[in-house]
Structures are given as structure tokens and as C-alpha cells.
Amino acid sequence: MAKTVKIQVELDGGEQYRCELHRPSIETLSVVNKLSKSDEVKAAQILVSQCWVSGDEEIRQDGLLLLAVAGEFGKSNQPKVSVVKN
């Protein structure tokens, strides 16, 4: 089963929103990478919608929540350590 990431966003007023996303497929990464050069919001929408497992629907509807989740999700999918050996 694909690894999932749980993300929580807290607004200044104390409101909290949560979601769970699974790792993106190669196809999703390709589409998001191409789109991010011209429309970062659309790229974030596609990334979140294609990887959505569960969560608060407000995240999909609110631009600021969507971008916050997409940013955190991108950070969480970076390799922790990478080493090239010959």
C-alpha cells in the first residue's frame, strides 16, 4: 500500500483543517511539474485531488488552505537522504 501523509493546517483564528494524502504517481508528478511552470494553483489542485485519501473538504475549496497543504505535501515527499555511489 502507498505511504500516506497526514497534514494539518491551523489558521490564525485557531481553526484547524486536516487531510491525508498518498504518494503521487509518476504520471501525477509529471502533470504537476509541467503545470507548475504556468499555473501553480491549478498544479496544487491536481496534486491534492489526485492524492486525496480523506480530510476536510474546505481544503479543496479554499485557495490558501490548498496551497498550504500542497506546499507541506511537497516537502514531505522529498528524500531525506540521497547518496550517489560509484
PDB file of N, CA and C in Angstrom:
ATOM      1  N   MET A   1       0.836  -1.183   0.000  1.00  0.00           N
ATOM      2  CA  MET A   1       0.000   0.000   0.000  1.00  0.00           C
ATOM      3  C   MET A   1       0.880   1.245   0.000  1.00  0.00           C
ATOM      4  N   ALA A   2       0.396   2.286  -0.666  1.00  0.00           N
ATOM      5  CA  ALA A   2       1.162   3.519  -0.785  1.00  0.00           C
ATOM      6  C   ALA A   2       1.271   4.221   0.563  1.00  0.00           C
ATOM      7  N   LYS A   3       2.404   4.833   0.792  1.00  0.00           N
ATOM      8  CA  LYS A   3       2.621   5.599   2.012  1.00  0.00           C
ATOM      9  C   LYS A   3       1.705   6.822   1.993  1.00  0.00           C
ATOM     10  N   THR A   4       1.122   7.137   3.143  1.00  0.00           N
ATOM     11  CA  THR A   4       0.282   8.327   3.237  1.00  0.00           C
ATOM     12  C   THR A   4       0.900   9.334   4.184  1.00  0.00           C
ATOM     13  N   VAL A   5       0.503  10.579   4.008  1.00  0.00           N
ATOM     14  CA  VAL A   5       0.978  11.679   4.835  1.00  0.00           C
ATOM     15  C   VAL A   5      -0.246  12.392   5.390  1.00  0.00           C
ATOM     16  N   LYS A   6      -0.240  12.664   6.689  1.00  0.00           N
ATOM     17  CA  LYS A   6      -1.312  13.426   7.319  1.00  0.00           C
ATOM     18  C   LYS A   6      -0.819  14.855   7.504  1.00  0.00           C
ATOM     19  N   ILE A   7      -1.628  15.796   7.043  1.00  0.00           N
ATOM     20  CA  ILE A   7      -1.251  17.212   7.100  1.00  0.00           C
ATOM     21  C   ILE A   7      -2.329  17.975   7.858  1.00  0.00           C
ATOM     22  N   GLN A   8      -1.886  18.865   8.735  1.00  0.00           N
ATOM     23  CA  GLN A   8      -2.811  19.719   9.483  1.00  0.00           C
ATOM     24  C   GLN A   8      -2.439  21.170   9.218  1.00  0.00           C
ATOM     25  N   VAL A   9      -3.432  21.988   8.926  1.00  0.00           N
ATOM     26  CA  VAL A   9      -3.236  23.417   8.729  1.00  0.00           C
ATOM     27  C   VAL A   9      -4.019  24.143   9.811  1.00  0.00           C
ATOM     28  N   GLU A  10      -3.361  25.058  10.502  1.00  0.00           N
ATOM     29  CA  GLU A  10      -4.043  25.840  11.531  1.00  0.00           C
ATOM     30  C   GLU A  10      -4.003  27.310  11.127  1.00  0.00           C
ATOM     31  N   LEU A  11      -5.161  27.943  11.119  1.00  0.00           N
ATOM     32  CA  LEU A  11      -5.265  29.359  10.778  1.00  0.00           C
ATOM     33  C   LEU A  11      -5.079  30.219  12.024  1.00  0.00           C
ATOM     34  N   ASP A  12      -4.879  31.518  11.817  1.00  0.00           N
ATOM     35  CA  ASP A  12      -4.655  32.445  12.928  1.00  0.00           C
ATOM     36  C   ASP A  12      -5.776  32.400  13.966  1.00  0.00           C
ATOM     37  N   GLY A  13      -7.006  32.194  13.534  1.00  0.00           N
ATOM     38  CA  GLY A  13      -8.134  32.159  14.451  1.00  0.00           C
ATOM     39  C   GLY A  13      -8.257  30.864  15.224  1.00  0.00           C
ATOM     40  N   GLY A  14      -7.346  29.932  15.006  1.00  0.00           N
ATOM     41  CA  GLY A  14      -7.374  28.660  15.714  1.00  0.00           C
ATOM     42  C   GLY A  14      -8.094  27.553  14.962  1.00  0.00           C
ATOM     43  N   GLU A  15      -8.702  27.882  13.814  1.00  0.00           N
ATOM     44  CA  GLU A  15      -9.368  26.849  13.023  1.00  0.00           C
ATOM     45  C   GLU A  15      -8.338  25.851  12.517  1.00  0.00           C
ATOM     46  N   GLN A  16      -8.687  24.566  12.581  1.00  0.00           N
ATOM     47  CA  GLN A  16      -7.771  23.517  12.131  1.00  0.00           C
ATOM     48  C   GLN A  16      -8.427  22.687  11.043  1.00  0.00           C
ATOM     49  N   TYR A  17      -7.643  22.361  10.038  1.00  0.00           N
ATOM     50  CA  TYR A  17      -8.107  21.522   8.937  1.00  0.00           C
ATOM     51  C   TYR A  17      -7.086  20.419   8.736  1.00  0.00           C
ATOM     52  N   ARG A  18      -7.588  19.225   8.467  1.00  0.00           N
ATOM     53  CA  ARG A  18      -6.706  18.060   8.314  1.00  0.00           C
ATOM     54  C   ARG A  18      -7.040  17.314   7.032  1.00  0.00           C
ATOM     55  N   CYS A  19      -6.009  16.669   6.498  1.00  0.00           N
ATOM     56  CA  CYS A  19      -6.235  15.768   5.374  1.00  0.00           C
ATOM     57  C   CYS A  19      -5.149  14.692   5.363  1.00  0.00           C
ATOM     58  N   GLU A  20      -5.420  13.661   4.601  1.00  0.00           N
ATOM     59  CA  GLU A  20      -4.457  12.576   4.406  1.00  0.00           C
ATOM     60  C   GLU A  20      -4.304  12.386   2.905  1.00  0.00           C
ATOM     61  N   LEU A  21      -3.068  12.356   2.446  1.00  0.00           N
ATOM     62  CA  LEU A  21      -2.753  12.216   1.033  1.00  0.00           C
ATOM     63  C   LEU A  21      -1.802  11.043   0.845  1.00  0.00           C
ATOM     64  N   HIS A  22      -1.938  10.338  -0.285  1.00  0.00           N
ATOM     65  CA  HIS A  22      -0.993   9.269  -0.599  1.00  0.00           C
ATOM     66  C   HIS A  22       0.064   9.789  -1.560  1.00  0.00           C
ATOM     67  N   ARG A  23       1.134   9.047  -1.677  1.00  0.00           N
ATOM     68  CA  ARG A  23       2.228   9.456  -2.573  1.00  0.00           C
ATOM     69  C   ARG A  23       1.715   9.615  -3.995  1.00  0.00           C
ATOM     70  N   PRO A  24       2.205  10.631  -4.698  1.00  0.00           N
ATOM     71  CA  PRO A  24       1.770  10.825  -6.074  1.00  0.00           C
ATOM     72  C   PRO A  24       2.396   9.796  -7.013  1.00  0.00           C
ATOM     73  N   SER A  25       1.649   9.464  -8.049  1.00  0.00           N
ATOM     74  CA  SER A  25       2.182   8.577  -9.083  1.00  0.00           C
ATOM     75  C   SER A  25       3.153   9.363  -9.965  1.00  0.00           C
ATOM     76  N   ILE A  26       3.895   8.660 -10.771  1.00  0.00           N
ATOM     77  CA  ILE A  26       4.813   9.312 -11.709  1.00  0.00           C
ATOM     78  C   ILE A  26       4.026  10.189 -12.680  1.00  0.00           C
ATOM     79  N   GLU A  27       2.870   9.699 -13.119  1.00  0.00           N
ATOM     80  CA  GLU A  27       2.040  10.460 -14.050  1.00  0.00           C
ATOM     81  C   GLU A  27       1.573  11.769 -13.413  1.00  0.00           C
ATOM     82  N   THR A  28       1.137  11.690 -12.167  1.00  0.00           N
ATOM     83  CA  THR A  28       0.691  12.898 -11.465  1.00  0.00           C
ATOM     84  C   THR A  28       1.845  13.880 -11.308  1.00  0.00           C
ATOM     85  N   LEU A  29       3.006  13.393 -10.927  1.00  0.00           N
ATOM     86  CA  LEU A  29       4.172  14.266 -10.780  1.00  0.00           C
ATOM     87  C   LEU A  29       4.529  14.948 -12.093  1.00  0.00           C
ATOM     88  N   SER A  30       4.425  14.221 -13.182  1.00  0.00           N
ATOM     89  CA  SER A  30       4.730  14.780 -14.497  1.00  0.00           C
ATOM     90  C   SER A  30       3.775  15.914 -14.849  1.00  0.00           C
ATOM     91  N   VAL A  31       2.486  15.686 -14.650  1.00  0.00           N
ATOM     92  CA  VAL A  31       1.482  16.709 -14.959  1.00  0.00           C
ATOM     93  C   VAL A  31       1.671  17.929 -14.064  1.00  0.00           C
ATOM     94  N   VAL A  32       1.857  17.697 -12.780  1.00  0.00           N
ATOM     95  CA  VAL A  32       2.021  18.797 -11.827  1.00  0.00           C
ATOM     96  C   VAL A  32       3.281  19.594 -12.145  1.00  0.00           C
ATOM     97  N   ASN A  33       4.357  18.918 -12.481  1.00  0.00           N
ATOM     98  CA  ASN A  33       5.606  19.605 -12.815  1.00  0.00           C
ATOM     99  C   ASN A  33       5.436  20.513 -14.030  1.00  0.00           C
ATOM    100  N   LYS A  34       4.790  20.018 -15.070  1.00  0.00           N
ATOM    101  CA  LYS A  34       4.556  20.831 -16.277  1.00  0.00           C
ATOM    102  C   LYS A  34       3.659  22.016 -15.972  1.00  0.00           C
ATOM    103  N   LEU A  35       2.583  21.773 -15.244  1.00  0.00           N
ATOM    104  CA  LEU A  35       1.616  22.829 -14.948  1.00  0.00           C
ATOM    105  C   LEU A  35       2.159  23.887 -14.009  1.00  0.00           C
ATOM    106  N   SER A  36       3.025  23.489 -13.096  1.00  0.00           N
ATOM    107  CA  SER A  36       3.520  24.430 -12.089  1.00  0.00           C
ATOM    108  C   SER A  36       4.315  25.583 -12.706  1.00  0.00           C
ATOM    109  N   LYS A  37       4.811  25.383 -13.901  1.00  0.00           N
ATOM    110  CA  LYS A  37       5.562  26.447 -14.572  1.00  0.00           C
ATOM    111  C   LYS A  37       4.659  27.578 -15.045  1.00  0.00           C
ATOM    112  N   SER A  38       3.369  27.276 -15.273  1.00  0.00           N
ATOM    113  CA  SER A  38       2.456  28.297 -15.775  1.00  0.00           C
ATOM    114  C   SER A  38       1.306  28.618 -14.824  1.00  0.00           C
ATOM    115  N   ASP A  39       0.892  27.674 -13.994  1.00  0.00           N
ATOM    116  CA  ASP A  39      -0.259  27.892 -13.110  1.00  0.00           C
ATOM    117  C   ASP A  39      -0.094  27.066 -11.832  1.00  0.00           C
ATOM    118  N   GLU A  40       0.515  27.683 -10.837  1.00  0.00           N
ATOM    119  CA  GLU A  40       0.808  26.962  -9.595  1.00  0.00           C
ATOM    120  C   GLU A  40      -0.447  26.530  -8.847  1.00  0.00           C
ATOM    121  N   VAL A  41      -1.502  27.322  -8.925  1.00  0.00           N
ATOM    122  CA  VAL A  41      -2.732  26.969  -8.220  1.00  0.00           C
ATOM    123  C   VAL A  41      -3.371  25.740  -8.848  1.00  0.00           C
ATOM    124  N   LYS A  42      -3.446  25.705 -10.168  1.00  0.00           N
ATOM    125  CA  LYS A  42      -4.002  24.533 -10.855  1.00  0.00           C
ATOM    126  C   LYS A  42      -3.142  23.301 -10.571  1.00  0.00           C
ATOM    127  N   ALA A  43      -1.837  23.472 -10.547  1.00  0.00           N
ATOM    128  CA  ALA A  43      -0.934  22.361 -10.234  1.00  0.00           C
ATOM    129  C   ALA A  43      -1.210  21.836  -8.819  1.00  0.00           C
ATOM    130  N   ALA A  44      -1.418  22.746  -7.869  1.00  0.00           N
ATOM    131  CA  ALA A  44      -1.720  22.344  -6.491  1.00  0.00           C
ATOM    132  C   ALA A  44      -3.054  21.607  -6.432  1.00  0.00           C
ATOM    133  N   GLN A  45      -4.051  22.096  -7.172  1.00  0.00           N
ATOM    134  CA  GLN A  45      -5.360  21.434  -7.203  1.00  0.00           C
ATOM    135  C   GLN A  45      -5.236  20.003  -7.709  1.00  0.00           C
ATOM    136  N   ILE A  46      -4.494  19.821  -8.766  1.00  0.00           N
ATOM    137  CA  ILE A  46      -4.334  18.486  -9.342  1.00  0.00           C
ATOM    138  C   ILE A  46      -3.571  17.576  -8.383  1.00  0.00           C
ATOM    139  N   LEU A  47      -2.498  18.092  -7.802  1.00  0.00           N
ATOM    140  CA  LEU A  47      -1.712  17.288  -6.866  1.00  0.00           C
ATOM    141  C   LEU A  47      -2.574  16.802  -5.704  1.00  0.00           C
ATOM    142  N   VAL A  48      -3.289  17.719  -5.083  1.00  0.00           N
ATOM    143  CA  VAL A  48      -4.108  17.362  -3.926  1.00  0.00           C
ATOM    144  C   VAL A  48      -5.249  16.436  -4.330  1.00  0.00           C
ATOM    145  N   SER A  49      -5.926  16.743  -5.429  1.00  0.00           N
ATOM    146  CA  SER A  49      -7.070  15.903  -5.821  1.00  0.00           C
ATOM    147  C   SER A  49      -6.646  14.497  -6.228  1.00  0.00           C
ATOM    148  N   GLN A  50      -5.508  14.360  -6.885  1.00  0.00           N
ATOM    149  CA  GLN A  50      -5.044  13.040  -7.319  1.00  0.00           C
ATOM    150  C   GLN A  50      -4.499  12.191  -6.172  1.00  0.00           C
ATOM    151  N   CYS A  51      -4.102  12.846  -5.089  1.00  0.00           N
ATOM    152  CA  CYS A  51      -3.502  12.127  -3.962  1.00  0.00           C
ATOM    153  C   CYS A  51      -4.421  12.056  -2.740  1.00  0.00           C
ATOM    154  N   TRP A  52      -5.608  12.625  -2.840  1.00  0.00           N
ATOM    155  CA  TRP A  52      -6.539  12.720  -1.712  1.00  0.00           C
ATOM    156  C   TRP A  52      -6.968  11.345  -1.223  1.00  0.00           C
ATOM    157  N   VAL A  53      -6.870  11.129   0.076  1.00  0.00           N
ATOM    158  CA  VAL A  53      -7.382   9.923   0.727  1.00  0.00           C
ATOM    159  C   VAL A  53      -8.611  10.307   1.557  1.00  0.00           C
ATOM    160  N   SER A  54      -8.442  11.313   2.417  1.00  0.00           N
ATOM    161  CA  SER A  54      -9.545  11.770   3.259  1.00  0.00           C
ATOM    162  C   SER A  54      -9.193  13.126   3.840  1.00  0.00           C
ATOM    163  N   GLY A  55     -10.209  13.780   4.407  1.00  0.00           N
ATOM    164  CA  GLY A  55      -9.934  15.038   5.075  1.00  0.00           C
ATOM    165  C   GLY A  55     -11.067  16.025   4.979  1.00  0.00           C
ATOM    166  N   ASP A  56     -10.790  17.231   5.459  1.00  0.00           N
ATOM    167  CA  ASP A  56     -11.771  18.310   5.458  1.00  0.00           C
ATOM    168  C   ASP A  56     -11.893  18.897   4.052  1.00  0.00           C
ATOM    169  N   GLU A  57     -13.101  18.882   3.515  1.00  0.00           N
ATOM    170  CA  GLU A  57     -13.345  19.352   2.149  1.00  0.00           C
ATOM    171  C   GLU A  57     -13.010  20.827   1.959  1.00  0.00           C
ATOM    172  N   GLU A  58     -12.990  21.597   3.044  1.00  0.00           N
ATOM    173  CA  GLU A  58     -12.634  23.016   2.938  1.00  0.00           C
ATOM    174  C   GLU A  58     -11.259  23.192   2.309  1.00  0.00           C
ATOM    175  N   ILE A  59     -10.381  22.225   2.509  1.00  0.00           N
ATOM    176  CA  ILE A  59      -9.031  22.304   1.948  1.00  0.00           C
ATOM    177  C   ILE A  59      -9.094  22.354   0.428  1.00  0.00           C
ATOM    178  N   ARG A  60      -9.981  21.587  -0.164  1.00  0.00           N
ATOM    179  CA  ARG A  60     -10.104  21.567  -1.628  1.00  0.00           C
ATOM    180  C   ARG A  60     -10.760  22.834  -2.167  1.00  0.00           C
ATOM    181  N   GLN A  61     -11.534  23.532  -1.330  1.00  0.00           N
ATOM    182  CA  GLN A  61     -12.300  24.686  -1.780  1.00  0.00           C
ATOM    183  C   GLN A  61     -11.631  26.032  -1.498  1.00  0.00           C
ATOM    184  N   ASP A  62     -10.758  26.084  -0.530  1.00  0.00           N
ATOM    185  CA  ASP A  62     -10.123  27.330  -0.110  1.00  0.00           C
ATOM    186  C   ASP A  62      -8.709  27.403  -0.675  1.00  0.00           C
ATOM    187  N   GLY A  63      -8.438  28.418  -1.459  1.00  0.00           N
ATOM    188  CA  GLY A  63      -7.143  28.541  -2.120  1.00  0.00           C
ATOM    189  C   GLY A  63      -5.960  28.567  -1.178  1.00  0.00           C
ATOM    190  N   LEU A  64      -6.075  29.298  -0.071  1.00  0.00           N
ATOM    191  CA  LEU A  64      -4.953  29.382   0.866  1.00  0.00           C
ATOM    192  C   LEU A  64      -4.696  28.052   1.556  1.00  0.00           C
ATOM    193  N   LEU A  65      -5.775  27.357   1.945  1.00  0.00           N
ATOM    194  CA  LEU A  65      -5.606  26.035   2.553  1.00  0.00           C
ATOM    195  C   LEU A  65      -4.995  25.065   1.551  1.00  0.00           C
ATOM    196  N   LEU A  66      -5.474  25.112   0.329  1.00  0.00           N
ATOM    197  CA  LEU A  66      -4.981  24.230  -0.725  1.00  0.00           C
ATOM    198  C   LEU A  66      -3.482  24.424  -0.949  1.00  0.00           C
ATOM    199  N   LEU A  67      -3.058  25.681  -1.066  1.00  0.00           N
ATOM    200  CA  LEU A  67      -1.641  25.958  -1.295  1.00  0.00           C
ATOM    201  C   LEU A  67      -0.790  25.567  -0.090  1.00  0.00           C
ATOM    202  N   ALA A  68      -1.322  25.770   1.121  1.00  0.00           N
ATOM    203  CA  ALA A  68      -0.580  25.375   2.320  1.00  0.00           C
ATOM    204  C   ALA A  68      -0.379  23.867   2.351  1.00  0.00           C
ATOM    205  N   VAL A  69      -1.443  23.112   2.038  1.00  0.00           N
ATOM    206  CA  VAL A  69      -1.346  21.649   2.035  1.00  0.00           C
ATOM    207  C   VAL A  69      -0.392  21.181   0.943  1.00  0.00           C
ATOM    208  N   ALA A  70      -0.515  21.747  -0.250  1.00  0.00           N
ATOM    209  CA  ALA A  70       0.356  21.341  -1.358  1.00  0.00           C
ATOM    210  C   ALA A  70       1.822  21.616  -1.027  1.00  0.00           C
ATOM    211  N   GLY A  71       2.103  22.744  -0.391  1.00  0.00           N
ATOM    212  CA  GLY A  71       3.475  23.071  -0.009  1.00  0.00           C
ATOM    213  C   GLY A  71       4.046  22.096   1.001  1.00  0.00           C
ATOM    214  N   GLU A  72       3.275  21.789   2.030  1.00  0.00           N
ATOM    215  CA  GLU A  72       3.728  20.830   3.037  1.00  0.00           C
ATOM    216  C   GLU A  72       3.865  19.430   2.451  1.00  0.00           C
ATOM    217  N   PHE A  73       2.932  19.078   1.579  1.00  0.00           N
ATOM    218  CA  PHE A  73       2.977  17.767   0.947  1.00  0.00           C
ATOM    219  C   PHE A  73       4.230  17.629   0.084  1.00  0.00           C
ATOM    220  N   GLY A  74       4.567  18.679  -0.639  1.00  0.00           N
ATOM    221  CA  GLY A  74       5.786  18.662  -1.450  1.00  0.00           C
ATOM    222  C   GLY A  74       7.034  18.463  -0.612  1.00  0.00           C
ATOM    223  N   LYS A  75       7.081  19.131   0.544  1.00  0.00           N
ATOM    224  CA  LYS A  75       8.227  18.973   1.443  1.00  0.00           C
ATOM    225  C   LYS A  75       8.315  17.550   1.986  1.00  0.00           C
ATOM    226  N   SER A  76       7.176  16.958   2.287  1.00  0.00           N
ATOM    227  CA  SER A  76       7.167  15.627   2.902  1.00  0.00           C
ATOM    228  C   SER A  76       7.561  14.528   1.920  1.00  0.00           C
ATOM    229  N   ASN A  77       7.498  14.817   0.621  1.00  0.00           N
ATOM    230  CA  ASN A  77       7.822  13.801  -0.374  1.00  0.00           C
ATOM    231  C   ASN A  77       9.244  13.904  -0.896  1.00  0.00           C
ATOM    232  N   GLN A  78      10.041  14.752  -0.262  1.00  0.00           N
ATOM    233  CA  GLN A  78      11.447  14.857  -0.638  1.00  0.00           C
ATOM    234  C   GLN A  78      12.230  13.753   0.055  1.00  0.00           C
ATOM    235  N   PRO A  79      13.189  13.154  -0.641  1.00  0.00           N
ATOM    236  CA  PRO A  79      14.019  12.143   0.021  1.00  0.00           C
ATOM    237  C   PRO A  79      14.750  12.762   1.206  1.00  0.00           C
ATOM    238  N   LYS A  80      14.836  12.019   2.287  1.00  0.00           N
ATOM    239  CA  LYS A  80      15.531  12.522   3.475  1.00  0.00           C
ATOM    240  C   LYS A  80      17.039  12.504   3.275  1.00  0.00           C
ATOM    241  N   VAL A  81      17.524  11.466   2.639  1.00  0.00           N
ATOM    242  CA  VAL A  81      18.953  11.327   2.361  1.00  0.00           C
ATOM    243  C   VAL A  81      19.098  10.696   0.993  1.00  0.00           C
ATOM    244  N   SER A  82      19.919  11.274   0.186  1.00  0.00           N
ATOM    245  CA  SER A  82      20.232  10.632  -1.085  1.00  0.00           C
ATOM    246  C   SER A  82      21.736  10.639  -1.274  1.00  0.00           C
ATOM    247  N   VAL A  83      22.256   9.496  -1.719  1.00  0.00           N
ATOM    248  CA  VAL A  83      23.694   9.335  -1.886  1.00  0.00           C
ATOM    249  C   VAL A  83      23.943   8.686  -3.237  1.00  0.00           C
ATOM    250  N   VAL A  84      24.886   9.240  -3.966  1.00  0.00           N
ATOM    251  CA  VAL A  84      25.294   8.642  -5.232  1.00  0.00           C
ATOM    252  C   VAL A  84      26.618   7.936  -5.005  1.00  0.00           C
ATOM    253  N   LYS A  85      26.676   6.649  -5.354  1.00  0.00           N
ATOM    254  CA  LYS A  85      27.913   5.892  -5.180  1.00  0.00           C
ATOM    255  C   LYS A  85      28.325   5.314  -6.526  1.00  0.00           C
ATOM    256  N   ASN A  86      29.604   5.297  -6.745  1.00  0.00           N
ATOM    257  CA  ASN A  86      30.140   4.677  -7.969  1.00  0.00           C
ATOM    258  C   ASN A  86      30.684   3.303  -7.658  1.00  0.00           C
TER     259      ASN A  86
END
